């Protein structure tokens, strides 16, 4: 999706969530028009960033620790297996980089 498409989606979500409130000097105030506009921008940017870069965090979590990867490589050398290469290929396949 494009940033513009995410903005449309974010606008609908913010509109559906109204009224939204903020805390200012221990007083609960409804968002101003500027606050709603900023919330839409922030939500759209967050969704776009997740689309563009979310795969990085997902891969980092799925790869496992460097120690675990080194252990896989060592065992692959001892056993003439491809566990580590298969694991890395699966992580990349499960978490593709966006085009």
PDB file of N, CA and C in Angstrom:
ATOM      1  N   UNK A   1       0.831  -1.175   0.000  1.00  0.00           N
ATOM      2  CA  UNK A   1       0.000   0.000   0.000  1.00  0.00           C
ATOM      3  C   UNK A   1       0.881   1.246   0.000  1.00  0.00           C
ATOM      4  N   UNK A   2       0.345   2.305  -0.517  1.00  0.00           N
ATOM      5  CA  UNK A   2       1.074   3.574  -0.520  1.00  0.00           C
ATOM      6  C   UNK A   2       0.778   4.330   0.777  1.00  0.00           C
ATOM      7  N   UNK A   3       1.573   5.358   1.026  1.00  0.00           N
ATOM      8  CA  UNK A   3       1.340   6.186   2.195  1.00  0.00           C
ATOM      9  C   UNK A   3      -0.033   6.846   2.111  1.00  0.00           C
ATOM     10  N   UNK A   4      -0.432   7.224   0.915  1.00  0.00           N
ATOM     11  CA  UNK A   4      -1.750   7.841   0.736  1.00  0.00           C
ATOM     12  C   UNK A   4      -2.864   6.855   1.102  1.00  0.00           C
ATOM     13  N   UNK A   5      -2.709   5.600   0.704  1.00  0.00           N
ATOM     14  CA  UNK A   5      -3.708   4.584   1.049  1.00  0.00           C
ATOM     15  C   UNK A   5      -3.750   4.342   2.558  1.00  0.00           C
ATOM     16  N   UNK A   6      -2.579   4.343   3.172  1.00  0.00           N
ATOM     17  CA  UNK A   6      -2.536   4.201   4.624  1.00  0.00           C
ATOM     18  C   UNK A   6      -3.181   5.404   5.305  1.00  0.00           C
ATOM     19  N   UNK A   7      -3.042   6.585   4.718  1.00  0.00           N
ATOM     20  CA  UNK A   7      -3.656   7.783   5.285  1.00  0.00           C
ATOM     21  C   UNK A   7      -5.177   7.668   5.251  1.00  0.00           C
ATOM     22  N   UNK A   8      -5.714   7.159   4.152  1.00  0.00           N
ATOM     23  CA  UNK A   8      -7.159   6.944   4.062  1.00  0.00           C
ATOM     24  C   UNK A   8      -7.608   5.944   5.124  1.00  0.00           C
ATOM     25  N   UNK A   9      -6.869   4.866   5.268  1.00  0.00           N
ATOM     26  CA  UNK A   9      -7.190   3.848   6.265  1.00  0.00           C
ATOM     27  C   UNK A   9      -7.098   4.434   7.681  1.00  0.00           C
ATOM     28  N   UNK A  10      -6.040   5.190   7.938  1.00  0.00           N
ATOM     29  CA  UNK A  10      -5.853   5.797   9.257  1.00  0.00           C
ATOM     30  C   UNK A  10      -6.963   6.789   9.566  1.00  0.00           C
ATOM     31  N   UNK A  11      -7.374   7.548   8.570  1.00  0.00           N
ATOM     32  CA  UNK A  11      -8.470   8.503   8.767  1.00  0.00           C
ATOM     33  C   UNK A  11      -9.737   7.784   9.199  1.00  0.00           C
ATOM     34  N   UNK A  12     -10.047   6.696   8.541  1.00  0.00           N
ATOM     35  CA  UNK A  12     -11.243   5.925   8.894  1.00  0.00           C
ATOM     36  C   UNK A  12     -11.136   5.370  10.318  1.00  0.00           C
ATOM     37  N   UNK A  13      -9.964   4.895  10.689  1.00  0.00           N
ATOM     38  CA  UNK A  13      -9.780   4.340  12.032  1.00  0.00           C
ATOM     39  C   UNK A  13      -9.913   5.420  13.108  1.00  0.00           C
ATOM     40  N   UNK A  14      -9.318   6.570  12.862  1.00  0.00           N
ATOM     41  CA  UNK A  14      -9.388   7.667  13.830  1.00  0.00           C
ATOM     42  C   UNK A  14     -10.832   8.173  13.934  1.00  0.00           C
ATOM     43  N   UNK A  15     -11.499   8.301  12.795  1.00  0.00           N
ATOM     44  CA  UNK A  15     -12.906   8.749  12.809  1.00  0.00           C
ATOM     45  C   UNK A  15     -13.774   7.775  13.601  1.00  0.00           C
ATOM     46  N   UNK A  16     -13.514   6.486  13.444  1.00  0.00           N
ATOM     47  CA  UNK A  16     -14.300   5.470  14.149  1.00  0.00           C
ATOM     48  C   UNK A  16     -14.016   5.470  15.650  1.00  0.00           C
ATOM     49  N   UNK A  17     -12.834   5.934  16.030  1.00  0.00           N
ATOM     50  CA  UNK A  17     -12.437   5.916  17.438  1.00  0.00           C
ATOM     51  C   UNK A  17     -12.869   7.187  18.190  1.00  0.00           C
ATOM     52  N   UNK A  18     -13.390   8.168  17.484  1.00  0.00           N
ATOM     53  CA  UNK A  18     -13.770   9.430  18.134  1.00  0.00           C
ATOM     54  C   UNK A  18     -14.861   9.189  19.154  1.00  0.00           C
ATOM     55  N   UNK A  19     -14.855   9.927  20.226  1.00  0.00           N
ATOM     56  CA  UNK A  19     -13.919  10.993  20.577  1.00  0.00           C
ATOM     57  C   UNK A  19     -12.662  10.431  21.239  1.00  0.00           C
ATOM     58  N   UNK A  20     -11.534  11.073  20.975  1.00  0.00           N
ATOM     59  CA  UNK A  20     -10.267  10.745  21.621  1.00  0.00           C
ATOM     60  C   UNK A  20      -9.928  11.873  22.591  1.00  0.00           C
ATOM     61  N   UNK A  21      -9.215  11.497  23.638  1.00  0.00           N
ATOM     62  CA  UNK A  21      -8.921  12.477  24.683  1.00  0.00           C
ATOM     63  C   UNK A  21      -7.432  12.503  24.985  1.00  0.00           C
ATOM     64  N   UNK A  22      -7.005  13.625  25.563  1.00  0.00           N
ATOM     65  CA  UNK A  22      -5.636  13.773  26.033  1.00  0.00           C
ATOM     66  C   UNK A  22      -5.688  14.358  27.437  1.00  0.00           C
ATOM     67  N   UNK A  23      -4.617  14.171  28.176  1.00  0.00           N
ATOM     68  CA  UNK A  23      -4.517  14.688  29.532  1.00  0.00           C
ATOM     69  C   UNK A  23      -3.595  15.906  29.505  1.00  0.00           C
ATOM     70  N   UNK A  24      -4.118  17.062  29.924  1.00  0.00           N
ATOM     71  CA  UNK A  24      -3.341  18.298  29.979  1.00  0.00           C
ATOM     72  C   UNK A  24      -3.536  18.908  31.354  1.00  0.00           C
ATOM     73  N   UNK A  25      -2.431  19.032  32.115  1.00  0.00           N
ATOM     74  CA  UNK A  25      -2.490  19.602  33.466  1.00  0.00           C
ATOM     75  C   UNK A  25      -3.604  18.965  34.305  1.00  0.00           C
ATOM     76  N   UNK A  26      -3.623  17.653  34.308  1.00  0.00           N
ATOM     77  CA  UNK A  26      -4.615  16.875  35.050  1.00  0.00           C
ATOM     78  C   UNK A  26      -6.046  17.142  34.609  1.00  0.00           C
ATOM     79  N   UNK A  27      -6.217  17.618  33.404  1.00  0.00           N
ATOM     80  CA  UNK A  27      -7.547  17.853  32.858  1.00  0.00           C
ATOM     81  C   UNK A  27      -7.708  17.004  31.602  1.00  0.00           C
ATOM     82  N   UNK A  28      -8.841  16.320  31.505  1.00  0.00           N
ATOM     83  CA  UNK A  28      -9.134  15.470  30.343  1.00  0.00           C
ATOM     84  C   UNK A  28      -9.806  16.332  29.284  1.00  0.00           C
ATOM     85  N   UNK A  29      -9.127  16.445  28.134  1.00  0.00           N
ATOM     86  CA  UNK A  29      -9.629  17.271  27.041  1.00  0.00           C
ATOM     87  C   UNK A  29      -9.758  16.443  25.771  1.00  0.00           C
ATOM     88  N   UNK A  30     -10.812  16.706  25.022  1.00  0.00           N
ATOM     89  CA  UNK A  30     -10.940  16.040  23.730  1.00  0.00           C
ATOM     90  C   UNK A  30      -9.886  16.595  22.785  1.00  0.00           C
ATOM     91  N   UNK A  31      -9.429  15.744  21.871  1.00  0.00           N
ATOM     92  CA  UNK A  31      -8.470  16.182  20.856  1.00  0.00           C
ATOM     93  C   UNK A  31      -9.022  17.395  20.117  1.00  0.00           C
ATOM     94  N   UNK A  32      -8.111  18.282  19.742  1.00  0.00           N
ATOM     95  CA  UNK A  32      -8.463  19.377  18.855  1.00  0.00           C
ATOM     96  C   UNK A  32      -8.398  18.870  17.422  1.00  0.00           C
ATOM     97  N   UNK A  33      -8.828  19.681  16.487  1.00  0.00           N
ATOM     98  CA  UNK A  33      -8.718  19.308  15.064  1.00  0.00           C
ATOM     99  C   UNK A  33      -7.269  19.029  14.695  1.00  0.00           C
ATOM    100  N   UNK A  34      -6.358  19.843  15.202  1.00  0.00           N
ATOM    101  CA  UNK A  34      -4.931  19.639  14.929  1.00  0.00           C
ATOM    102  C   UNK A  34      -4.447  18.317  15.525  1.00  0.00           C
ATOM    103  N   UNK A  35      -4.942  17.972  16.720  1.00  0.00           N
ATOM    104  CA  UNK A  35      -4.566  16.697  17.344  1.00  0.00           C
ATOM    105  C   UNK A  35      -5.049  15.518  16.505  1.00  0.00           C
ATOM    106  N   UNK A  36      -6.291  15.604  16.008  1.00  0.00           N
ATOM    107  CA  UNK A  36      -6.825  14.536  15.160  1.00  0.00           C
ATOM    108  C   UNK A  36      -6.015  14.427  13.868  1.00  0.00           C
ATOM    109  N   UNK A  37      -5.681  15.570  13.275  1.00  0.00           N
ATOM    110  CA  UNK A  37      -4.873  15.560  12.044  1.00  0.00           C
ATOM    111  C   UNK A  37      -3.521  14.899  12.287  1.00  0.00           C
ATOM    112  N   UNK A  38      -2.895  15.239  13.423  1.00  0.00           N
ATOM    113  CA  UNK A  38      -1.595  14.653  13.740  1.00  0.00           C
ATOM    114  C   UNK A  38      -1.714  13.165  14.024  1.00  0.00           C
ATOM    115  N   UNK A  39      -2.785  12.758  14.684  1.00  0.00           N
ATOM    116  CA  UNK A  39      -2.993  11.339  14.969  1.00  0.00           C
ATOM    117  C   UNK A  39      -3.115  10.540  13.668  1.00  0.00           C
ATOM    118  N   UNK A  40      -3.793  11.105  12.694  1.00  0.00           N
ATOM    119  CA  UNK A  40      -3.931  10.444  11.386  1.00  0.00           C
ATOM    120  C   UNK A  40      -2.572  10.311  10.721  1.00  0.00           C
ATOM    121  N   UNK A  41      -1.796  11.387  10.727  1.00  0.00           N
ATOM    122  CA  UNK A  41      -0.457  11.357  10.125  1.00  0.00           C
ATOM    123  C   UNK A  41       0.416  10.321  10.826  1.00  0.00           C
ATOM    124  N   UNK A  42       0.394  10.335  12.156  1.00  0.00           N
ATOM    125  CA  UNK A  42       1.220   9.391  12.921  1.00  0.00           C
ATOM    126  C   UNK A  42       0.827   7.944  12.661  1.00  0.00           C
ATOM    127  N   UNK A  43      -0.472   7.666  12.636  1.00  0.00           N
ATOM    128  CA  UNK A  43      -0.937   6.302  12.399  1.00  0.00           C
ATOM    129  C   UNK A  43      -0.596   5.841  10.984  1.00  0.00           C
ATOM    130  N   UNK A  44      -0.798   6.698  10.000  1.00  0.00           N
ATOM    131  CA  UNK A  44      -0.473   6.342   8.614  1.00  0.00           C
ATOM    132  C   UNK A  44       1.026   6.074   8.460  1.00  0.00           C
ATOM    133  N   UNK A  45       1.851   6.939   9.058  1.00  0.00           N
ATOM    134  CA  UNK A  45       3.302   6.737   8.981  1.00  0.00           C
ATOM    135  C   UNK A  45       3.726   5.454   9.677  1.00  0.00           C
ATOM    136  N   UNK A  46       3.099   5.148  10.800  1.00  0.00           N
ATOM    137  CA  UNK A  46       3.417   3.925  11.528  1.00  0.00           C
ATOM    138  C   UNK A  46       3.081   2.686  10.692  1.00  0.00           C
ATOM    139  N   UNK A  47       1.915   2.694  10.061  1.00  0.00           N
ATOM    140  CA  UNK A  47       1.513   1.575   9.222  1.00  0.00           C
ATOM    141  C   UNK A  47       2.448   1.421   8.017  1.00  0.00           C
ATOM    142  N   UNK A  48       2.824   2.537   7.420  1.00  0.00           N
ATOM    143  CA  UNK A  48       3.722   2.496   6.267  1.00  0.00           C
ATOM    144  C   UNK A  48       5.088   1.961   6.683  1.00  0.00           C
ATOM    145  N   UNK A  49       5.607   2.451   7.832  1.00  0.00           N
ATOM    146  CA  UNK A  49       6.900   1.969   8.321  1.00  0.00           C
ATOM    147  C   UNK A  49       6.859   0.480   8.624  1.00  0.00           C
ATOM    148  N   UNK A  50       5.757   0.022   9.216  1.00  0.00           N
ATOM    149  CA  UNK A  50       5.630  -1.418   9.482  1.00  0.00           C
ATOM    150  C   UNK A  50       5.674  -2.214   8.178  1.00  0.00           C
ATOM    151  N   UNK A  51       5.003  -1.707   7.156  1.00  0.00           N
ATOM    152  CA  UNK A  51       5.005  -2.390   5.864  1.00  0.00           C
ATOM    153  C   UNK A  51       6.400  -2.402   5.260  1.00  0.00           C
ATOM    154  N   UNK A  52       7.083  -1.285   5.303  1.00  0.00           N
ATOM    155  CA  UNK A  52       8.383  -1.158   4.645  1.00  0.00           C
ATOM    156  C   UNK A  52       9.509  -1.835   5.426  1.00  0.00           C
ATOM    157  N   UNK A  53       9.447  -1.765   6.755  1.00  0.00           N
ATOM    158  CA  UNK A  53      10.589  -2.201   7.559  1.00  0.00           C
ATOM    159  C   UNK A  53      10.253  -3.254   8.608  1.00  0.00           C
ATOM    160  N   UNK A  54       8.997  -3.646   8.701  1.00  0.00           N
ATOM    161  CA  UNK A  54       8.596  -4.631   9.705  1.00  0.00           C
ATOM    162  C   UNK A  54       9.278  -5.970   9.532  1.00  0.00           C
ATOM    163  N   UNK A  55       9.626  -6.291   8.291  1.00  0.00           N
ATOM    164  CA  UNK A  55      10.273  -7.578   8.031  1.00  0.00           C
ATOM    165  C   UNK A  55      11.624  -7.671   8.729  1.00  0.00           C
ATOM    166  N   UNK A  56      12.280  -6.532   8.940  1.00  0.00           N
ATOM    167  CA  UNK A  56      13.611  -6.538   9.562  1.00  0.00           C
ATOM    168  C   UNK A  56      13.511  -7.056  10.992  1.00  0.00           C
ATOM    169  N   UNK A  57      12.603  -6.489  11.761  1.00  0.00           N
ATOM    170  CA  UNK A  57      12.433  -6.927  13.147  1.00  0.00           C
ATOM    171  C   UNK A  57      11.953  -8.376  13.204  1.00  0.00           C
ATOM    172  N   UNK A  58      11.037  -8.728  12.316  1.00  0.00           N
ATOM    173  CA  UNK A  58      10.535 -10.104  12.293  1.00  0.00           C
ATOM    174  C   UNK A  58      11.671 -11.085  11.999  1.00  0.00           C
ATOM    175  N   UNK A  59      12.532 -10.738  11.056  1.00  0.00           N
ATOM    176  CA  UNK A  59      13.678 -11.612  10.749  1.00  0.00           C
ATOM    177  C   UNK A  59      14.631 -11.699  11.925  1.00  0.00           C
ATOM    178  N   UNK A  60      14.934 -10.552  12.546  1.00  0.00           N
ATOM    179  CA  UNK A  60      15.872 -10.555  13.666  1.00  0.00           C
ATOM    180  C   UNK A  60      15.390 -11.470  14.774  1.00  0.00           C
ATOM    181  N   UNK A  61      14.093 -11.436  15.070  1.00  0.00           N
ATOM    182  CA  UNK A  61      13.548 -12.307  16.107  1.00  0.00           C
ATOM    183  C   UNK A  61      13.605 -13.770  15.684  1.00  0.00           C
ATOM    184  N   UNK A  62      13.297 -14.034  14.424  1.00  0.00           N
ATOM    185  CA  UNK A  62      13.230 -15.418  13.949  1.00  0.00           C
ATOM    186  C   UNK A  62      14.611 -16.051  13.767  1.00  0.00           C
ATOM    187  N   UNK A  63      15.628 -15.238  13.464  1.00  0.00           N
ATOM    188  CA  UNK A  63      16.968 -15.798  13.270  1.00  0.00           C
ATOM    189  C   UNK A  63      17.491 -16.466  14.533  1.00  0.00           C
ATOM    190  N   UNK A  64      17.139 -15.934  15.683  1.00  0.00           N
ATOM    191  CA  UNK A  64      17.706 -16.442  16.926  1.00  0.00           C
ATOM    192  C   UNK A  64      19.027 -15.748  17.202  1.00  0.00           C
ATOM    193  N   UNK A  65      19.626 -16.112  18.310  1.00  0.00           N
ATOM    194  CA  UNK A  65      20.872 -15.445  18.725  1.00  0.00           C
ATOM    195  C   UNK A  65      22.040 -15.852  17.839  1.00  0.00           C
ATOM    196  N   UNK A  66      23.049 -15.013  17.854  1.00  0.00           N
ATOM    197  CA  UNK A  66      24.284 -15.327  17.116  1.00  0.00           C
ATOM    198  C   UNK A  66      24.879 -16.630  17.650  1.00  0.00           C
ATOM    199  N   UNK A  67      24.814 -16.805  18.969  1.00  0.00           N
ATOM    200  CA  UNK A  67      25.344 -18.031  19.566  1.00  0.00           C
ATOM    201  C   UNK A  67      24.644 -19.270  19.045  1.00  0.00           C
ATOM    202  N   UNK A  68      23.319 -19.189  18.948  1.00  0.00           N
ATOM    203  CA  UNK A  68      22.557 -20.330  18.423  1.00  0.00           C
ATOM    204  C   UNK A  68      22.906 -20.588  16.960  1.00  0.00           C
ATOM    205  N   UNK A  69      23.078 -19.513  16.196  1.00  0.00           N
ATOM    206  CA  UNK A  69      23.427 -19.679  14.785  1.00  0.00           C
ATOM    207  C   UNK A  69      24.818 -20.292  14.632  1.00  0.00           C
ATOM    208  N   UNK A  70      25.758 -19.831  15.450  1.00  0.00           N
ATOM    209  CA  UNK A  70      27.113 -20.400  15.390  1.00  0.00           C
ATOM    210  C   UNK A  70      27.089 -21.880  15.785  1.00  0.00           C
ATOM    211  N   UNK A  71      26.260 -22.213  16.767  1.00  0.00           N
ATOM    212  CA  UNK A  71      26.125 -23.610  17.172  1.00  0.00           C
ATOM    213  C   UNK A  71      25.574 -24.440  16.015  1.00  0.00           C
ATOM    214  N   UNK A  72      24.558 -23.897  15.299  1.00  0.00           N
ATOM    215  CA  UNK A  72      24.017 -24.603  14.132  1.00  0.00           C
ATOM    216  C   UNK A  72      25.101 -24.821  13.087  1.00  0.00           C
ATOM    217  N   UNK A  73      25.899 -23.795  12.834  1.00  0.00           N
ATOM    218  CA  UNK A  73      26.956 -23.908  11.828  1.00  0.00           C
ATOM    219  C   UNK A  73      27.997 -24.943  12.240  1.00  0.00           C
ATOM    220  N   UNK A  74      28.374 -24.933  13.517  1.00  0.00           N
ATOM    221  CA  UNK A  74      29.353 -25.900  14.003  1.00  0.00           C
ATOM    222  C   UNK A  74      28.832 -27.326  13.843  1.00  0.00           C
ATOM    223  N   UNK A  75      27.566 -27.546  14.238  1.00  0.00           N
ATOM    224  CA  UNK A  75      26.982 -28.875  14.116  1.00  0.00           C
ATOM    225  C   UNK A  75      26.843 -29.280  12.649  1.00  0.00           C
ATOM    226  N   UNK A  76      26.548 -28.303  11.784  1.00  0.00           N
ATOM    227  CA  UNK A  76      26.492 -28.602  10.349  1.00  0.00           C
ATOM    228  C   UNK A  76      27.846 -29.069   9.836  1.00  0.00           C
ATOM    229  N   UNK A  77      28.922 -28.432  10.301  1.00  0.00           N
ATOM    230  CA  UNK A  77      30.267 -28.850   9.886  1.00  0.00           C
ATOM    231  C   UNK A  77      30.586 -30.264  10.375  1.00  0.00           C
ATOM    232  N   UNK A  78      30.213 -30.542  11.605  1.00  0.00           N
ATOM    233  CA  UNK A  78      30.495 -31.875  12.170  1.00  0.00           C
ATOM    234  C   UNK A  78      29.669 -32.962  11.505  1.00  0.00           C
ATOM    235  N   UNK A  79      28.415 -32.657  11.187  1.00  0.00           N
ATOM    236  CA  UNK A  79      27.481 -33.683  10.705  1.00  0.00           C
ATOM    237  C   UNK A  79      27.231 -33.629   9.204  1.00  0.00           C
ATOM    238  N   UNK A  80      27.909 -32.717   8.530  1.00  0.00           N
ATOM    239  CA  UNK A  80      27.718 -32.541   7.089  1.00  0.00           C
ATOM    240  C   UNK A  80      26.233 -32.327   6.756  1.00  0.00           C
ATOM    241  N   UNK A  81      25.614 -31.395   7.518  1.00  0.00           N
ATOM    242  CA  UNK A  81      24.206 -31.050   7.317  1.00  0.00           C
ATOM    243  C   UNK A  81      24.084 -29.584   6.896  1.00  0.00           C
ATOM    244  N   UNK A  82      22.864 -29.151   6.624  1.00  0.00           N
ATOM    245  CA  UNK A  82      22.618 -27.771   6.175  1.00  0.00           C
ATOM    246  C   UNK A  82      21.541 -27.089   7.038  1.00  0.00           C
ATOM    247  N   UNK A  83      21.510 -27.438   8.312  1.00  0.00           N
ATOM    248  CA  UNK A  83      20.487 -26.910   9.212  1.00  0.00           C
ATOM    249  C   UNK A  83      20.482 -25.385   9.239  1.00  0.00           C
ATOM    250  N   UNK A  84      21.661 -24.777   9.375  1.00  0.00           N
ATOM    251  CA  UNK A  84      21.740 -23.323   9.459  1.00  0.00           C
ATOM    252  C   UNK A  84      21.271 -22.672   8.167  1.00  0.00           C
ATOM    253  N   UNK A  85      21.770 -23.143   7.031  1.00  0.00           N
ATOM    254  CA  UNK A  85      21.351 -22.570   5.742  1.00  0.00           C
ATOM    255  C   UNK A  85      19.854 -22.739   5.536  1.00  0.00           C
ATOM    256  N   UNK A  86      19.324 -23.881   5.902  1.00  0.00           N
ATOM    257  CA  UNK A  86      17.879 -24.118   5.773  1.00  0.00           C
ATOM    258  C   UNK A  86      17.088 -23.171   6.679  1.00  0.00           C
ATOM    259  N   UNK A  87      17.585 -22.959   7.880  1.00  0.00           N
ATOM    260  CA  UNK A  87      16.921 -22.062   8.835  1.00  0.00           C
ATOM    261  C   UNK A  87      16.897 -20.631   8.292  1.00  0.00           C
ATOM    262  N   UNK A  88      18.023 -20.146   7.804  1.00  0.00           N
ATOM    263  CA  UNK A  88      18.109 -18.777   7.281  1.00  0.00           C
ATOM    264  C   UNK A  88      17.193 -18.627   6.069  1.00  0.00           C
ATOM    265  N   UNK A  89      17.190 -19.604   5.188  1.00  0.00           N
ATOM    266  CA  UNK A  89      16.322 -19.548   4.004  1.00  0.00           C
ATOM    267  C   UNK A  89      14.850 -19.516   4.409  1.00  0.00           C
ATOM    268  N   UNK A  90      14.484 -20.285   5.421  1.00  0.00           N
ATOM    269  CA  UNK A  90      13.091 -20.319   5.889  1.00  0.00           C
ATOM    270  C   UNK A  90      12.685 -18.976   6.495  1.00  0.00           C
ATOM    271  N   UNK A  91      13.573 -18.375   7.292  1.00  0.00           N
ATOM    272  CA  UNK A  91      13.280 -17.067   7.902  1.00  0.00           C
ATOM    273  C   UNK A  91      13.068 -16.023   6.814  1.00  0.00           C
ATOM    274  N   UNK A  92      13.939 -16.013   5.806  1.00  0.00           N
ATOM    275  CA  UNK A  92      13.786 -15.051   4.709  1.00  0.00           C
ATOM    276  C   UNK A  92      12.518 -15.310   3.921  1.00  0.00           C
ATOM    277  N   UNK A  93      12.168 -16.549   3.729  1.00  0.00           N
ATOM    278  CA  UNK A  93      10.952 -16.896   3.004  1.00  0.00           C
ATOM    279  C   UNK A  93       9.709 -16.487   3.791  1.00  0.00           C
ATOM    280  N   UNK A  94       9.736 -16.691   5.091  1.00  0.00           N
ATOM    281  CA  UNK A  94       8.593 -16.360   5.948  1.00  0.00           C
ATOM    282  C   UNK A  94       8.420 -14.865   6.151  1.00  0.00           C
ATOM    283  N   UNK A  95       9.501 -14.099   5.991  1.00  0.00           N
ATOM    284  CA  UNK A  95       9.495 -12.647   6.220  1.00  0.00           C
ATOM    285  C   UNK A  95      10.121 -11.933   5.029  1.00  0.00           C
ATOM    286  N   UNK A  96       9.428 -11.927   3.888  1.00  0.00           N
ATOM    287  CA  UNK A  96      10.032 -11.374   2.675  1.00  0.00           C
ATOM    288  C   UNK A  96      10.210  -9.857   2.738  1.00  0.00           C
ATOM    289  N   UNK A  97      11.241  -9.393   2.055  1.00  0.00           N
ATOM    290  CA  UNK A  97      11.482  -7.968   1.920  1.00  0.00           C
ATOM    291  C   UNK A  97      10.457  -7.415   0.930  1.00  0.00           C
ATOM    292  N   UNK A  98       9.806  -6.287   1.262  1.00  0.00           N
ATOM    293  CA  UNK A  98       8.826  -5.738   0.310  1.00  0.00           C
ATOM    294  C   UNK A  98       9.486  -5.282  -0.985  1.00  0.00           C
ATOM    295  N   UNK A  99       8.744  -5.365  -2.048  1.00  0.00           N
ATOM    296  CA  UNK A  99       9.270  -4.965  -3.363  1.00  0.00           C
ATOM    297  C   UNK A  99       9.288  -3.475  -3.496  1.00  0.00           C
TER     298      UNK A  99
END
